[in-house]
Amino acid sequence: MEFFISDALAQAGGSPQGGGLLSLLPLVVIFVVFYFLLIRPQQKRAKQHREMVAALKKGDEVVTGGGILGKITDTDDNFVTVEIANGVSVKVQRHSVAQMMPKGTTKAS
């Protein structure tokens, strides 16, 4: 049992001295690492998506979250109409647009 519990700590009857701020240091370091590796990049991507959705206009070629490729034919405050084939249009929510594609993408497919 002496292997698991140090004799000096057992005789002192408590934890080592100076454990106040020093014991919080690993927790602070973990939070900082999580912020820079997880939280900050996710906020940046969300901001870029909001800006892209706000900038959608007629004639843009987009891909929806469901993978539908098409050209925007009409815009509204909450919805856009995407033409996916000649004479076939689908009305989707603006936020379901996942990505804008370069001009001419729909002609190549």
N, C-alpha and C. Protein backbone atom coordinates (compact mmCIF):
# COMPACT_ATOMS: atom_id res chain seq x y z
N MET A 1 0.81 -1.19 0.00
CA MET A 1 0.00 0.00 0.00
C MET A 1 0.86 1.25 0.00
N GLU A 2 2.09 1.13 0.47
CA GLU A 2 2.97 2.28 0.50
C GLU A 2 3.31 2.76 -0.90
N PHE A 3 3.12 1.90 -1.86
CA PHE A 3 3.39 2.27 -3.25
C PHE A 3 2.41 3.33 -3.73
N PHE A 4 1.15 3.26 -3.31
CA PHE A 4 0.11 4.18 -3.77
C PHE A 4 0.05 5.46 -2.96
N ILE A 5 0.38 5.41 -1.68
CA ILE A 5 0.29 6.59 -0.83
C ILE A 5 1.67 6.91 -0.30
N SER A 6 2.11 8.11 -0.55
CA SER A 6 3.42 8.53 -0.07
C SER A 6 3.37 8.70 1.44
N ASP A 7 4.41 8.27 2.12
CA ASP A 7 4.45 8.39 3.58
C ASP A 7 4.42 9.84 4.01
N ALA A 8 5.09 10.71 3.29
CA ALA A 8 5.15 12.11 3.68
C ALA A 8 3.77 12.75 3.61
N LEU A 9 2.99 12.45 2.57
CA LEU A 9 1.64 13.00 2.46
C LEU A 9 0.72 12.40 3.51
N ALA A 10 0.88 11.13 3.78
CA ALA A 10 0.03 10.49 4.76
C ALA A 10 0.29 11.05 6.16
N GLN A 11 1.52 11.37 6.48
CA GLN A 11 1.86 11.91 7.79
C GLN A 11 1.44 13.37 7.92
N ALA A 12 1.47 14.11 6.80
CA ALA A 12 1.09 15.52 6.85
C ALA A 12 -0.42 15.65 7.03
N GLY A 13 -1.16 14.65 6.64
CA GLY A 13 -2.60 14.67 6.85
C GLY A 13 -3.35 15.50 5.82
N GLY A 14 -2.83 15.69 4.65
CA GLY A 14 -3.55 16.46 3.64
C GLY A 14 -2.80 16.52 2.33
N SER A 15 -3.18 17.48 1.53
CA SER A 15 -2.56 17.64 0.22
C SER A 15 -1.33 18.52 0.32
N PRO A 16 -0.49 18.50 -0.70
CA PRO A 16 0.71 19.33 -0.66
C PRO A 16 0.36 20.82 -0.66
N GLN A 17 1.26 21.61 -0.14
CA GLN A 17 1.06 23.06 -0.05
C GLN A 17 1.14 23.72 -1.42
N GLY A 18 0.51 24.89 -1.59
CA GLY A 18 0.57 25.64 -2.84
C GLY A 18 -0.35 25.09 -3.90
N GLY A 19 -1.41 24.41 -3.54
CA GLY A 19 -2.30 23.78 -4.49
C GLY A 19 -3.41 24.69 -4.99
N GLY A 20 -3.51 25.93 -4.55
CA GLY A 20 -4.61 26.81 -4.91
C GLY A 20 -4.68 27.12 -6.39
N LEU A 21 -3.91 28.07 -6.84
CA LEU A 21 -3.93 28.47 -8.25
C LEU A 21 -3.24 27.44 -9.15
N LEU A 22 -2.28 26.78 -8.59
CA LEU A 22 -1.55 25.80 -9.39
C LEU A 22 -2.43 24.62 -9.79
N SER A 23 -3.41 24.28 -8.97
CA SER A 23 -4.28 23.17 -9.32
C SER A 23 -5.30 23.56 -10.40
N LEU A 24 -5.57 24.84 -10.57
CA LEU A 24 -6.48 25.30 -11.61
C LEU A 24 -5.79 25.48 -12.97
N LEU A 25 -4.48 25.51 -12.97
CA LEU A 25 -3.72 25.74 -14.20
C LEU A 25 -4.02 24.71 -15.30
N PRO A 26 -4.08 23.41 -15.03
CA PRO A 26 -4.40 22.46 -16.11
C PRO A 26 -5.80 22.68 -16.69
N LEU A 27 -6.76 23.04 -15.85
CA LEU A 27 -8.10 23.31 -16.33
C LEU A 27 -8.13 24.52 -17.26
N VAL A 28 -7.41 25.56 -16.90
CA VAL A 28 -7.34 26.76 -17.74
C VAL A 28 -6.65 26.44 -19.07
N VAL A 29 -5.60 25.66 -19.03
CA VAL A 29 -4.87 25.28 -20.25
C VAL A 29 -5.78 24.47 -21.17
N ILE A 30 -6.55 23.54 -20.62
CA ILE A 30 -7.46 22.73 -21.43
C ILE A 30 -8.51 23.62 -22.07
N PHE A 31 -9.06 24.57 -21.33
CA PHE A 31 -10.06 25.48 -21.89
C PHE A 31 -9.47 26.31 -23.02
N VAL A 32 -8.27 26.83 -22.86
CA VAL A 32 -7.62 27.63 -23.90
C VAL A 32 -7.39 26.78 -25.15
N VAL A 33 -6.94 25.56 -24.99
CA VAL A 33 -6.71 24.67 -26.14
C VAL A 33 -8.03 24.38 -26.85
N PHE A 34 -9.09 24.08 -26.10
CA PHE A 34 -10.41 23.85 -26.70
C PHE A 34 -10.90 25.07 -27.45
N TYR A 35 -10.67 26.25 -26.89
CA TYR A 35 -11.13 27.47 -27.54
C TYR A 35 -10.47 27.63 -28.90
N PHE A 36 -9.16 27.49 -28.95
CA PHE A 36 -8.45 27.73 -30.20
C PHE A 36 -8.58 26.58 -31.20
N LEU A 37 -8.82 25.36 -30.75
CA LEU A 37 -8.92 24.24 -31.68
C LEU A 37 -10.35 23.90 -32.07
N LEU A 38 -11.34 24.22 -31.24
CA LEU A 38 -12.71 23.82 -31.53
C LEU A 38 -13.67 25.00 -31.66
N ILE A 39 -13.74 25.84 -30.66
CA ILE A 39 -14.76 26.89 -30.61
C ILE A 39 -14.50 27.98 -31.64
N ARG A 40 -13.30 28.51 -31.69
CA ARG A 40 -12.99 29.63 -32.59
C ARG A 40 -13.15 29.25 -34.07
N PRO A 41 -12.64 28.12 -34.54
CA PRO A 41 -12.85 27.77 -35.95
C PRO A 41 -14.32 27.56 -36.30
N GLN A 42 -15.10 26.99 -35.37
CA GLN A 42 -16.52 26.79 -35.63
C GLN A 42 -17.25 28.12 -35.76
N GLN A 43 -16.92 29.09 -34.90
CA GLN A 43 -17.52 30.42 -35.00
C GLN A 43 -17.14 31.10 -36.31
N LYS A 44 -15.92 30.90 -36.76
CA LYS A 44 -15.47 31.49 -38.02
C LYS A 44 -16.24 30.90 -39.20
N ARG A 45 -16.43 29.57 -39.21
CA ARG A 45 -17.19 28.94 -40.28
C ARG A 45 -18.65 29.39 -40.28
N ALA A 46 -19.23 29.53 -39.09
CA ALA A 46 -20.63 29.98 -38.99
C ALA A 46 -20.77 31.40 -39.51
N LYS A 47 -19.81 32.26 -39.22
CA LYS A 47 -19.84 33.64 -39.71
C LYS A 47 -19.72 33.68 -41.23
N GLN A 48 -18.83 32.87 -41.80
CA GLN A 48 -18.68 32.82 -43.25
C GLN A 48 -19.97 32.32 -43.91
N HIS A 49 -20.64 31.35 -43.31
CA HIS A 49 -21.88 30.82 -43.87
C HIS A 49 -22.98 31.88 -43.82
N ARG A 50 -23.09 32.62 -42.70
CA ARG A 50 -24.08 33.69 -42.60
C ARG A 50 -23.86 34.75 -43.67
N GLU A 51 -22.60 35.13 -43.89
CA GLU A 51 -22.28 36.13 -44.91
C GLU A 51 -22.61 35.61 -46.31
N MET A 52 -22.32 34.34 -46.58
CA MET A 52 -22.61 33.75 -47.88
C MET A 52 -24.12 33.70 -48.12
N VAL A 53 -24.88 33.30 -47.12
CA VAL A 53 -26.34 33.23 -47.25
C VAL A 53 -26.92 34.61 -47.47
N ALA A 54 -26.40 35.61 -46.80
CA ALA A 54 -26.90 36.98 -46.96
C ALA A 54 -26.59 37.52 -48.34
N ALA A 55 -25.54 37.04 -48.98
CA ALA A 55 -25.11 37.56 -50.28
C ALA A 55 -25.70 36.79 -51.46
N LEU A 56 -26.58 35.83 -51.24
CA LEU A 56 -27.17 35.07 -52.34
C LEU A 56 -28.00 35.97 -53.23
N LYS A 57 -27.86 35.80 -54.54
CA LYS A 57 -28.63 36.61 -55.49
C LYS A 57 -29.01 35.75 -56.69
N LYS A 58 -29.88 36.28 -57.50
CA LYS A 58 -30.35 35.57 -58.68
C LYS A 58 -29.17 35.30 -59.61
N GLY A 59 -29.10 34.08 -60.14
CA GLY A 59 -28.04 33.70 -61.06
C GLY A 59 -26.90 32.96 -60.40
N ASP A 60 -26.81 32.97 -59.08
CA ASP A 60 -25.75 32.23 -58.39
C ASP A 60 -26.01 30.73 -58.51
N GLU A 61 -24.94 29.97 -58.65
CA GLU A 61 -25.05 28.52 -58.69
C GLU A 61 -24.66 27.98 -57.32
N VAL A 62 -25.53 27.15 -56.75
CA VAL A 62 -25.36 26.72 -55.37
C VAL A 62 -25.58 25.22 -55.23
N VAL A 63 -25.13 24.70 -54.11
CA VAL A 63 -25.40 23.33 -53.69
C VAL A 63 -26.12 23.42 -52.35
N THR A 64 -27.25 22.72 -52.22
CA THR A 64 -27.99 22.73 -50.96
C THR A 64 -27.40 21.71 -50.00
N GLY A 65 -27.90 21.73 -48.79
CA GLY A 65 -27.45 20.78 -47.79
C GLY A 65 -27.76 19.34 -48.16
N GLY A 66 -28.79 19.14 -48.98
CA GLY A 66 -29.15 17.80 -49.44
C GLY A 66 -28.37 17.35 -50.66
N GLY A 67 -27.51 18.22 -51.19
CA GLY A 67 -26.68 17.85 -52.34
C GLY A 67 -27.27 18.22 -53.69
N ILE A 68 -28.32 19.03 -53.70
CA ILE A 68 -28.94 19.43 -54.97
C ILE A 68 -28.16 20.60 -55.56
N LEU A 69 -27.74 20.46 -56.81
CA LEU A 69 -27.00 21.49 -57.52
C LEU A 69 -27.96 22.23 -58.44
N GLY A 70 -27.91 23.55 -58.40
CA GLY A 70 -28.78 24.32 -59.27
C GLY A 70 -28.45 25.79 -59.28
N LYS A 71 -29.25 26.54 -60.04
CA LYS A 71 -29.06 27.98 -60.19
C LYS A 71 -30.23 28.70 -59.53
N ILE A 72 -29.94 29.75 -58.79
CA ILE A 72 -30.98 30.52 -58.11
C ILE A 72 -31.73 31.35 -59.15
N THR A 73 -33.05 31.21 -59.15
CA THR A 73 -33.89 31.97 -60.08
C THR A 73 -34.70 33.05 -59.39
N ASP A 74 -34.89 32.92 -58.07
CA ASP A 74 -35.67 33.91 -57.33
C ASP A 74 -35.23 33.87 -55.87
N THR A 75 -35.21 35.05 -55.24
CA THR A 75 -34.83 35.12 -53.84
C THR A 75 -35.94 35.77 -53.03
N ASP A 76 -35.99 35.43 -51.78
CA ASP A 76 -36.96 35.95 -50.83
C ASP A 76 -36.20 36.19 -49.53
N ASP A 77 -36.89 36.69 -48.51
CA ASP A 77 -36.22 36.90 -47.23
C ASP A 77 -35.78 35.58 -46.60
N ASN A 78 -36.61 34.56 -46.69
CA ASN A 78 -36.31 33.29 -46.05
C ASN A 78 -36.08 32.13 -47.01
N PHE A 79 -36.48 32.29 -48.26
CA PHE A 79 -36.40 31.19 -49.23
C PHE A 79 -35.73 31.64 -50.51
N VAL A 80 -35.17 30.66 -51.23
CA VAL A 80 -34.66 30.89 -52.58
C VAL A 80 -35.24 29.79 -53.47
N THR A 81 -35.46 30.13 -54.73
CA THR A 81 -35.93 29.14 -55.70
C THR A 81 -34.73 28.73 -56.53
N VAL A 82 -34.47 27.42 -56.55
CA VAL A 82 -33.31 26.87 -57.24
C VAL A 82 -33.81 26.04 -58.42
N GLU A 83 -33.34 26.39 -59.62
CA GLU A 83 -33.68 25.61 -60.81
C GLU A 83 -32.65 24.49 -60.94
N ILE A 84 -33.13 23.24 -60.85
CA ILE A 84 -32.22 22.11 -60.87
C ILE A 84 -32.16 21.44 -62.24
N ALA A 85 -33.14 21.73 -63.11
CA ALA A 85 -33.16 21.24 -64.49
C ALA A 85 -34.07 22.19 -65.26
N ASN A 86 -34.08 22.08 -66.58
CA ASN A 86 -34.93 22.96 -67.38
C ASN A 86 -36.39 22.76 -66.97
N GLY A 87 -36.99 23.83 -66.45
CA GLY A 87 -38.39 23.79 -66.06
C GLY A 87 -38.67 23.15 -64.71
N VAL A 88 -37.64 22.72 -63.98
CA VAL A 88 -37.82 22.11 -62.67
C VAL A 88 -37.17 23.01 -61.62
N SER A 89 -38.02 23.59 -60.77
CA SER A 89 -37.52 24.49 -59.72
C SER A 89 -37.93 23.96 -58.36
N VAL A 90 -37.07 24.21 -57.40
CA VAL A 90 -37.30 23.78 -56.02
C VAL A 90 -37.12 25.00 -55.12
N LYS A 91 -38.06 25.17 -54.18
CA LYS A 91 -37.96 26.28 -53.23
C LYS A 91 -37.36 25.73 -51.94
N VAL A 92 -36.23 26.32 -51.51
CA VAL A 92 -35.54 25.86 -50.31
C VAL A 92 -35.27 27.04 -49.39
N GLN A 93 -35.04 26.75 -48.12
CA GLN A 93 -34.68 27.80 -47.18
C GLN A 93 -33.29 28.32 -47.50
N ARG A 94 -33.09 29.60 -47.24
CA ARG A 94 -31.78 30.21 -47.52
C ARG A 94 -30.66 29.50 -46.77
N HIS A 95 -30.91 29.15 -45.51
CA HIS A 95 -29.85 28.55 -44.70
C HIS A 95 -29.53 27.11 -45.09
N SER A 96 -30.36 26.50 -45.96
CA SER A 96 -30.05 25.15 -46.41
C SER A 96 -29.05 25.16 -47.55
N VAL A 97 -28.72 26.34 -48.07
CA VAL A 97 -27.69 26.45 -49.11
C VAL A 97 -26.34 26.23 -48.42
N ALA A 98 -25.64 25.20 -48.83
CA ALA A 98 -24.39 24.82 -48.18
C ALA A 98 -23.17 25.50 -48.80
N GLN A 99 -23.21 25.73 -50.13
CA GLN A 99 -22.00 26.19 -50.79
C GLN A 99 -22.37 26.87 -52.10
N MET A 100 -21.62 27.92 -52.44
CA MET A 100 -21.76 28.54 -53.75
C MET A 100 -20.72 27.91 -54.67
N MET A 101 -21.13 27.67 -55.90
CA MET A 101 -20.24 27.04 -56.88
C MET A 101 -19.79 28.08 -57.89
N PRO A 102 -18.68 27.83 -58.58
CA PRO A 102 -18.25 28.75 -59.63
C PRO A 102 -19.25 28.78 -60.78
N LYS A 103 -19.29 29.89 -61.49
CA LYS A 103 -20.20 30.04 -62.64
C LYS A 103 -19.89 28.96 -63.66
N GLY A 104 -20.93 28.40 -64.27
CA GLY A 104 -20.76 27.39 -65.29
C GLY A 104 -20.74 25.97 -64.77
N THR A 105 -20.86 25.78 -63.49
CA THR A 105 -20.82 24.43 -62.92
C THR A 105 -22.03 23.62 -63.35
N THR A 106 -23.21 24.23 -63.37
CA THR A 106 -24.41 23.48 -63.74
C THR A 106 -24.40 23.08 -65.21
N LYS A 107 -23.75 23.81 -66.06
CA LYS A 107 -23.68 23.48 -67.48
C LYS A 107 -22.77 22.28 -67.70
N ALA A 108 -21.75 22.12 -66.87
CA ALA A 108 -20.80 21.04 -67.04
C ALA A 108 -21.36 19.71 -66.57
N SER A 109 -22.37 19.74 -65.70
CA SER A 109 -22.89 18.48 -65.17
C SER A 109 -24.08 17.97 -65.93
